[in-house]
Amino acid sequence: LDKDKGGYFSIHPDSSLSCTTKQQYMPSSNILQ
């Protein structure tokens, strides 16, 4: 709700890298990968 002031916790590849990103839940769970 505010890209500058809202706050965040980010873990991402070094900005120089190009990556394909996939996101899914682990089977039958609410654990996100």
All heavy atoms as atom14 arrays in JSON, in Angstrom:
{
  "sequence": "LDKDKGGYFSIHPDSSLSCTTKQQYMPSSNILQ",
  "atom14_mask": [
    [1, 1, 1, 1, 1, 1, 1, 1, 0, 0, 0, 0, 0, 0],
    [1, 1, 1, 1, 1, 1, 1, 1, 0, 0, 0, 0, 0, 0],
    [1, 1, 1, 1, 1, 1, 1, 1, 1, 0, 0, 0, 0, 0],
    [1, 1, 1, 1, 1, 1, 1, 1, 0, 0, 0, 0, 0, 0],
    [1, 1, 1, 1, 1, 1, 1, 1, 1, 0, 0, 0, 0, 0],
    [1, 1, 1, 1, 0, 0, 0, 0, 0, 0, 0, 0, 0, 0],
    [1, 1, 1, 1, 0, 0, 0, 0, 0, 0, 0, 0, 0, 0],
    [1, 1, 1, 1, 1, 1, 1, 1, 1, 1, 1, 1, 0, 0],
    [1, 1, 1, 1, 1, 1, 1, 1, 1, 1, 1, 0, 0, 0],
    [1, 1, 1, 1, 1, 1, 0, 0, 0, 0, 0, 0, 0, 0],
    [1, 1, 1, 1, 1, 1, 1, 1, 0, 0, 0, 0, 0, 0],
    [1, 1, 1, 1, 1, 1, 1, 1, 1, 1, 0, 0, 0, 0],
    [1, 1, 1, 1, 1, 1, 1, 0, 0, 0, 0, 0, 0, 0],
    [1, 1, 1, 1, 1, 1, 1, 1, 0, 0, 0, 0, 0, 0],
    [1, 1, 1, 1, 1, 1, 0, 0, 0, 0, 0, 0, 0, 0],
    [1, 1, 1, 1, 1, 1, 0, 0, 0, 0, 0, 0, 0, 0],
    [1, 1, 1, 1, 1, 1, 1, 1, 0, 0, 0, 0, 0, 0],
    [1, 1, 1, 1, 1, 1, 0, 0, 0, 0, 0, 0, 0, 0],
    [1, 1, 1, 1, 1, 1, 0, 0, 0, 0, 0, 0, 0, 0],
    [1, 1, 1, 1, 1, 1, 1, 0, 0, 0, 0, 0, 0, 0],
    [1, 1, 1, 1, 1, 1, 1, 0, 0, 0, 0, 0, 0, 0],
    [1, 1, 1, 1, 1, 1, 1, 1, 1, 0, 0, 0, 0, 0],
    [1, 1, 1, 1, 1, 1, 1, 1, 1, 0, 0, 0, 0, 0],
    [1, 1, 1, 1, 1, 1, 1, 1, 1, 0, 0, 0, 0, 0],
    [1, 1, 1, 1, 1, 1, 1, 1, 1, 1, 1, 1, 0, 0],
    [1, 1, 1, 1, 1, 1, 1, 1, 0, 0, 0, 0, 0, 0],
    [1, 1, 1, 1, 1, 1, 1, 0, 0, 0, 0, 0, 0, 0],
    [1, 1, 1, 1, 1, 1, 0, 0, 0, 0, 0, 0, 0, 0],
    [1, 1, 1, 1, 1, 1, 0, 0, 0, 0, 0, 0, 0, 0],
    [1, 1, 1, 1, 1, 1, 1, 1, 0, 0, 0, 0, 0, 0],
    [1, 1, 1, 1, 1, 1, 1, 1, 0, 0, 0, 0, 0, 0],
    [1, 1, 1, 1, 1, 1, 1, 1, 0, 0, 0, 0, 0, 0],
    [1, 1, 1, 1, 1, 1, 1, 1, 1, 0, 0, 0, 0, 0]
  ],
  "atom14_positions": [
    [[0.8, -1.22, 0.0], [0.0, 0.0, 0.0], [0.84, 1.28, 0.0], [0.28, 2.37, 0.0], [-0.96, 0.0, 1.2], [-2.0, -1.12, 1.17], [-2.81, -1.14, 2.45], [-2.93, -0.96, -0.03], [0.0, 0.0, 0.0], [0.0, 0.0, 0.0], [0.0, 0.0, 0.0], [0.0, 0.0, 0.0], [0.0, 0.0, 0.0], [0.0, 0.0, 0.0]],
    [[2.14, 1.13, 0.02], [3.02, 2.29, -0.17], [4.42, 1.75, -0.44], [5.08, 1.23, 0.45], [3.04, 3.21, 1.04], [3.69, 4.56, 0.73], [4.87, 4.55, 0.31], [3.04, 5.6, 0.89], [0.0, 0.0, 0.0], [0.0, 0.0, 0.0], [0.0, 0.0, 0.0], [0.0, 0.0, 0.0], [0.0, 0.0, 0.0], [0.0, 0.0, 0.0]],
    [[4.88, 1.89, -1.67], [6.15, 1.28, -2.09], [7.35, 1.88, -1.36], [8.4, 1.22, -1.27], [6.33, 1.45, -3.59], [6.4, 2.89, -4.08], [6.53, 2.95, -5.58], [6.48, 4.38, -6.09], [7.55, 5.24, -5.57], [0.0, 0.0, 0.0], [0.0, 0.0, 0.0], [0.0, 0.0, 0.0], [0.0, 0.0, 0.0], [0.0, 0.0, 0.0]],
    [[7.21, 3.09, -0.84], [8.34, 3.76, -0.19], [8.32, 3.65, 1.32], [9.35, 3.44, 1.95], [8.37, 5.24, -0.59], [8.56, 5.42, -2.1], [9.4, 4.71, -2.67], [7.84, 6.26, -2.69], [0.0, 0.0, 0.0], [0.0, 0.0, 0.0], [0.0, 0.0, 0.0], [0.0, 0.0, 0.0], [0.0, 0.0, 0.0], [0.0, 0.0, 0.0]],
    [[7.13, 3.79, 1.92], [7.04, 3.86, 3.38], [6.48, 2.61, 4.04], [6.55, 2.45, 5.25], [6.17, 5.07, 3.79], [6.72, 6.42, 3.38], [5.94, 7.56, 3.99], [4.57, 7.72, 3.35], [4.65, 8.25, 1.99], [0.0, 0.0, 0.0], [0.0, 0.0, 0.0], [0.0, 0.0, 0.0], [0.0, 0.0, 0.0], [0.0, 0.0, 0.0]],
    [[5.89, 1.71, 3.25], [5.1, 0.63, 3.84], [5.88, -0.45, 4.57], [5.37, -1.08, 5.48], [0.0, 0.0, 0.0], [0.0, 0.0, 0.0], [0.0, 0.0, 0.0], [0.0, 0.0, 0.0], [0.0, 0.0, 0.0], [0.0, 0.0, 0.0], [0.0, 0.0, 0.0], [0.0, 0.0, 0.0], [0.0, 0.0, 0.0], [0.0, 0.0, 0.0]],
    [[7.13, -0.71, 4.17], [7.92, -1.75, 4.81], [7.8, -3.09, 4.11], [6.74, -3.43, 3.57], [0.0, 0.0, 0.0], [0.0, 0.0, 0.0], [0.0, 0.0, 0.0], [0.0, 0.0, 0.0], [0.0, 0.0, 0.0], [0.0, 0.0, 0.0], [0.0, 0.0, 0.0], [0.0, 0.0, 0.0], [0.0, 0.0, 0.0], [0.0, 0.0, 0.0]],
    [[8.91, -3.89, 4.17], [8.92, -5.17, 3.48], [10.07, -6.03, 3.99], [10.97, -5.56, 4.7], [9.06, -4.97, 1.97], [10.36, -4.31, 1.56], [11.46, -5.06, 1.15], [10.5, -2.92, 1.59], [12.66, -4.46, 0.78], [11.69, -2.3, 1.23], [12.77, -3.08, 0.82], [13.95, -2.49, 0.48], [0.0, 0.0, 0.0], [0.0, 0.0, 0.0]],
    [[10.03, -7.3, 3.61], [11.07, -8.28, 3.96], [11.34, -9.07, 2.67], [10.55, -9.92, 2.29], [10.57, -9.19, 5.08], [11.55, -10.22, 5.58], [11.27, -10.96, 6.72], [12.75, -10.49, 4.93], [12.15, -11.92, 7.21], [13.65, -11.44, 5.4], [13.34, -12.15, 6.53], [0.0, 0.0, 0.0], [0.0, 0.0, 0.0], [0.0, 0.0, 0.0]],
    [[12.46, -8.76, 2.02], [12.7, -9.3, 0.69], [13.94, -10.18, 0.67], [14.96, -9.86, 1.28], [12.87, -8.15, -0.32], [13.18, -8.65, -1.6], [0.0, 0.0, 0.0], [0.0, 0.0, 0.0], [0.0, 0.0, 0.0], [0.0, 0.0, 0.0], [0.0, 0.0, 0.0], [0.0, 0.0, 0.0], [0.0, 0.0, 0.0], [0.0, 0.0, 0.0]],
    [[13.85, -11.3, -0.04], [14.99, -12.17, -0.34], [14.94, -12.42, -1.84], [14.02, -13.08, -2.33], [14.93, -13.5, 0.44], [14.85, -13.24, 1.95], [16.15, -14.35, 0.11], [14.65, -14.51, 2.78], [0.0, 0.0, 0.0], [0.0, 0.0, 0.0], [0.0, 0.0, 0.0], [0.0, 0.0, 0.0], [0.0, 0.0, 0.0], [0.0, 0.0, 0.0]],
    [[15.92, -11.9, -2.57], [15.86, -12.0, -4.02], [17.26, -12.11, -4.6], [18.25, -11.7, -3.97], [15.14, -10.79, -4.61], [15.78, -9.48, -4.24], [16.86, -8.95, -4.93], [15.51, -8.6, -3.25], [17.21, -7.8, -4.39], [16.41, -7.56, -3.36], [0.0, 0.0, 0.0], [0.0, 0.0, 0.0], [0.0, 0.0, 0.0], [0.0, 0.0, 0.0]],
    [[17.4, -12.64, -5.81], [18.71, -12.75, -6.43], [19.35, -11.38, -6.63], [18.66, -10.36, -6.73], [18.42, -13.42, -7.78], [17.11, -14.11, -7.58], [16.35, -13.26, -6.63], [0.0, 0.0, 0.0], [0.0, 0.0, 0.0], [0.0, 0.0, 0.0], [0.0, 0.0, 0.0], [0.0, 0.0, 0.0], [0.0, 0.0, 0.0], [0.0, 0.0, 0.0]],
    [[20.67, -11.4, -6.69], [21.43, -10.18, -6.98], [20.82, -9.49, -8.2], [20.44, -10.15, -9.19], [22.88, -10.56, -7.25], [23.75, -9.36, -7.54], [23.72, -8.89, -8.68], [24.45, -8.9, -6.61], [0.0, 0.0, 0.0], [0.0, 0.0, 0.0], [0.0, 0.0, 0.0], [0.0, 0.0, 0.0], [0.0, 0.0, 0.0], [0.0, 0.0, 0.0]],
    [[20.71, -8.17, -8.15], [20.0, -7.42, -9.19], [20.61, -7.57, -10.58], [19.97, -7.27, -11.59], [19.95, -5.93, -8.82], [21.27, -5.43, -8.65], [0.0, 0.0, 0.0], [0.0, 0.0, 0.0], [0.0, 0.0, 0.0], [0.0, 0.0, 0.0], [0.0, 0.0, 0.0], [0.0, 0.0, 0.0], [0.0, 0.0, 0.0], [0.0, 0.0, 0.0]],
    [[21.85, -8.04, -10.65], [22.49, -8.23, -11.95], [22.07, -9.52, -12.63], [22.36, -9.74, -13.81], [24.01, -8.2, -11.8], [24.44, -9.31, -11.0], [0.0, 0.0, 0.0], [0.0, 0.0, 0.0], [0.0, 0.0, 0.0], [0.0, 0.0, 0.0], [0.0, 0.0, 0.0], [0.0, 0.0, 0.0], [0.0, 0.0, 0.0], [0.0, 0.0, 0.0]],
    [[21.39, -10.4, -11.88], [21.03, -11.72, -12.41], [19.64, -11.7, -13.04], [18.73, -11.04, -12.54], [21.06, -12.77, -11.3], [22.43, -13.05, -10.67], [22.25, -13.99, -9.48], [23.38, -13.67, -11.69], [0.0, 0.0, 0.0], [0.0, 0.0, 0.0], [0.0, 0.0, 0.0], [0.0, 0.0, 0.0], [0.0, 0.0, 0.0], [0.0, 0.0, 0.0]],
    [[19.49, -12.45, -14.11], [18.18, -12.69, -14.7], [17.72, -14.08, -14.3], [18.42, -15.06, -14.55], [18.24, -12.57, -16.23], [18.57, -11.26, -16.62], [0.0, 0.0, 0.0], [0.0, 0.0, 0.0], [0.0, 0.0, 0.0], [0.0, 0.0, 0.0], [0.0, 0.0, 0.0], [0.0, 0.0, 0.0], [0.0, 0.0, 0.0], [0.0, 0.0, 0.0]],
    [[16.55, -14.15, -13.69], [16.05, -15.44, -13.19], [14.62, -15.68, -13.63], [13.82, -14.75, -13.75], [16.11, -15.48, -11.65], [17.77, -15.57, -10.97], [0.0, 0.0, 0.0], [0.0, 0.0, 0.0], [0.0, 0.0, 0.0], [0.0, 0.0, 0.0], [0.0, 0.0, 0.0], [0.0, 0.0, 0.0], [0.0, 0.0, 0.0], [0.0, 0.0, 0.0]],
    [[14.32, -16.93, -13.88], [12.93, -17.36, -14.0], [12.43, -17.66, -12.59], [13.13, -18.28, -11.79], [12.83, -18.62, -14.86], [13.24, -18.31, -16.19], [11.4, -19.15, -14.9], [0.0, 0.0, 0.0], [0.0, 0.0, 0.0], [0.0, 0.0, 0.0], [0.0, 0.0, 0.0], [0.0, 0.0, 0.0], [0.0, 0.0, 0.0], [0.0, 0.0, 0.0]],
    [[11.23, -17.21, -12.29], [10.67, -17.41, -10.95], [9.44, -18.3, -11.03], [8.57, -18.08, -11.87], [10.28, -16.07, -10.3], [11.4, -15.19, -10.34], [9.84, -16.28, -8.86], [0.0, 0.0, 0.0], [0.0, 0.0, 0.0], [0.0, 0.0, 0.0], [0.0, 0.0, 0.0], [0.0, 0.0, 0.0], [0.0, 0.0, 0.0], [0.0, 0.0, 0.0]],
    [[9.39, -19.28, -10.17], [8.2, -20.14, -10.04], [7.76, -20.13, -8.59], [8.6, -20.09, -7.68], [8.51, -21.56, -10.5], [8.77, -21.7, -11.99], [9.01, -23.13, -12.39], [9.21, -23.26, -13.89], [7.98, -23.02, -14.65], [0.0, 0.0, 0.0], [0.0, 0.0, 0.0], [0.0, 0.0, 0.0], [0.0, 0.0, 0.0], [0.0, 0.0, 0.0]],
    [[6.47, -20.16, -8.4], [5.94, -20.15, -7.03], [4.81, -21.17, -6.92], [3.92, -21.21, -7.77], [5.43, -18.76, -6.65], [5.16, -18.57, -5.17], [4.72, -17.15, -4.84], [3.68, -16.69, -5.3], [5.52, -16.45, -4.05], [0.0, 0.0, 0.0], [0.0, 0.0, 0.0], [0.0, 0.0, 0.0], [0.0, 0.0, 0.0], [0.0, 0.0, 0.0]],
    [[4.86, -21.98, -5.87], [3.83, -22.99, -5.66], [3.75, -23.34, -4.18], [4.68, -23.08, -3.41], [4.14, -24.25, -6.47], [5.44, -24.94, -6.05], [5.76, -26.15, -6.91], [5.04, -26.47, -7.84], [6.83, -26.84, -6.57], [0.0, 0.0, 0.0], [0.0, 0.0, 0.0], [0.0, 0.0, 0.0], [0.0, 0.0, 0.0], [0.0, 0.0, 0.0]],
    [[2.62, -23.92, -3.81], [2.48, -24.48, -2.46], [3.04, -25.89, -2.46], [2.9, -26.64, -3.43], [1.03, -24.51, -2.02], [0.49, -23.15, -1.61], [-0.4, -22.45, -2.43], [0.87, -22.57, -0.41], [-0.89, -21.2, -2.06], [0.39, -21.33, -0.03], [-0.49, -20.65, -0.86], [-0.95, -19.42, -0.5], [0.0, 0.0, 0.0], [0.0, 0.0, 0.0]],
    [[3.68, -26.24, -1.37], [4.1, -27.63, -1.21], [2.84, -28.49, -1.08], [1.8, -28.01, -0.61], [5.04, -27.76, -0.02], [6.31, -26.94, -0.25], [7.51, -27.01, 1.1], [8.23, -28.62, 0.79], [0.0, 0.0, 0.0], [0.0, 0.0, 0.0], [0.0, 0.0, 0.0], [0.0, 0.0, 0.0], [0.0, 0.0, 0.0], [0.0, 0.0, 0.0]],
    [[2.87, -29.75, -1.49], [1.65, -30.56, -1.62], [0.76, -30.54, -0.37], [1.24, -30.73, 0.74], [2.2, -31.97, -1.88], [3.52, -31.73, -2.53], [4.08, -30.5, -1.88], [0.0, 0.0, 0.0], [0.0, 0.0, 0.0], [0.0, 0.0, 0.0], [0.0, 0.0, 0.0], [0.0, 0.0, 0.0], [0.0, 0.0, 0.0], [0.0, 0.0, 0.0]],
    [[-0.52, -30.28, -0.61], [-1.55, -30.35, 0.45], [-1.18, -29.52, 1.66], [-1.37, -29.95, 2.8], [-1.8, -31.81, 0.86], [-2.19, -32.59, -0.24], [0.0, 0.0, 0.0], [0.0, 0.0, 0.0], [0.0, 0.0, 0.0], [0.0, 0.0, 0.0], [0.0, 0.0, 0.0], [0.0, 0.0, 0.0], [0.0, 0.0, 0.0], [0.0, 0.0, 0.0]],
    [[-0.68, -28.31, 1.44], [-0.26, -27.49, 2.58], [-0.37, -26.01, 2.25], [-0.65, -25.62, 1.12], [1.19, -27.81, 2.97], [2.1, -27.14, 2.12], [0.0, 0.0, 0.0], [0.0, 0.0, 0.0], [0.0, 0.0, 0.0], [0.0, 0.0, 0.0], [0.0, 0.0, 0.0], [0.0, 0.0, 0.0], [0.0, 0.0, 0.0], [0.0, 0.0, 0.0]],
    [[-0.11, -25.2, 3.27], [0.0, -23.75, 3.1], [1.44, -23.29, 3.29], [1.7, -22.17, 3.71], [-0.92, -23.04, 4.1], [-2.36, -23.02, 3.62], [-2.63, -22.78, 2.45], [-3.29, -23.3, 4.52], [0.0, 0.0, 0.0], [0.0, 0.0, 0.0], [0.0, 0.0, 0.0], [0.0, 0.0, 0.0], [0.0, 0.0, 0.0], [0.0, 0.0, 0.0]],
    [[2.38, -24.19, 2.99], [3.8, -23.84, 2.96], [4.13, -23.42, 1.54], [3.91, -24.18, 0.59], [4.68, -25.02, 3.4], [4.34, -25.44, 4.84], [6.15, -24.67, 3.29], [5.1, -26.66, 5.32], [0.0, 0.0, 0.0], [0.0, 0.0, 0.0], [0.0, 0.0, 0.0], [0.0, 0.0, 0.0], [0.0, 0.0, 0.0], [0.0, 0.0, 0.0]],
    [[4.64, -22.21, 1.39], [4.84, -21.63, 0.05], [6.3, -21.73, -0.37], [7.2, -21.43, 0.41], [4.39, -20.17, 0.07], [4.34, -19.44, -1.28], [3.27, -20.06, -2.18], [4.05, -17.96, -1.06], [0.0, 0.0, 0.0], [0.0, 0.0, 0.0], [0.0, 0.0, 0.0], [0.0, 0.0, 0.0], [0.0, 0.0, 0.0], [0.0, 0.0, 0.0]],
    [[6.5, -22.12, -1.61], [7.85, -22.26, -2.15], [8.01, -21.33, -3.35], [7.24, -21.39, -4.31], [8.11, -23.7, -2.58], [9.49, -23.95, -3.19], [9.57, -25.32, -3.83], [9.04, -25.55, -4.92], [10.21, -26.26, -3.15], [0.0, 0.0, 0.0], [0.0, 0.0, 0.0], [0.0, 0.0, 0.0], [0.0, 0.0, 0.0], [0.0, 0.0, 0.0]]
  ]
}
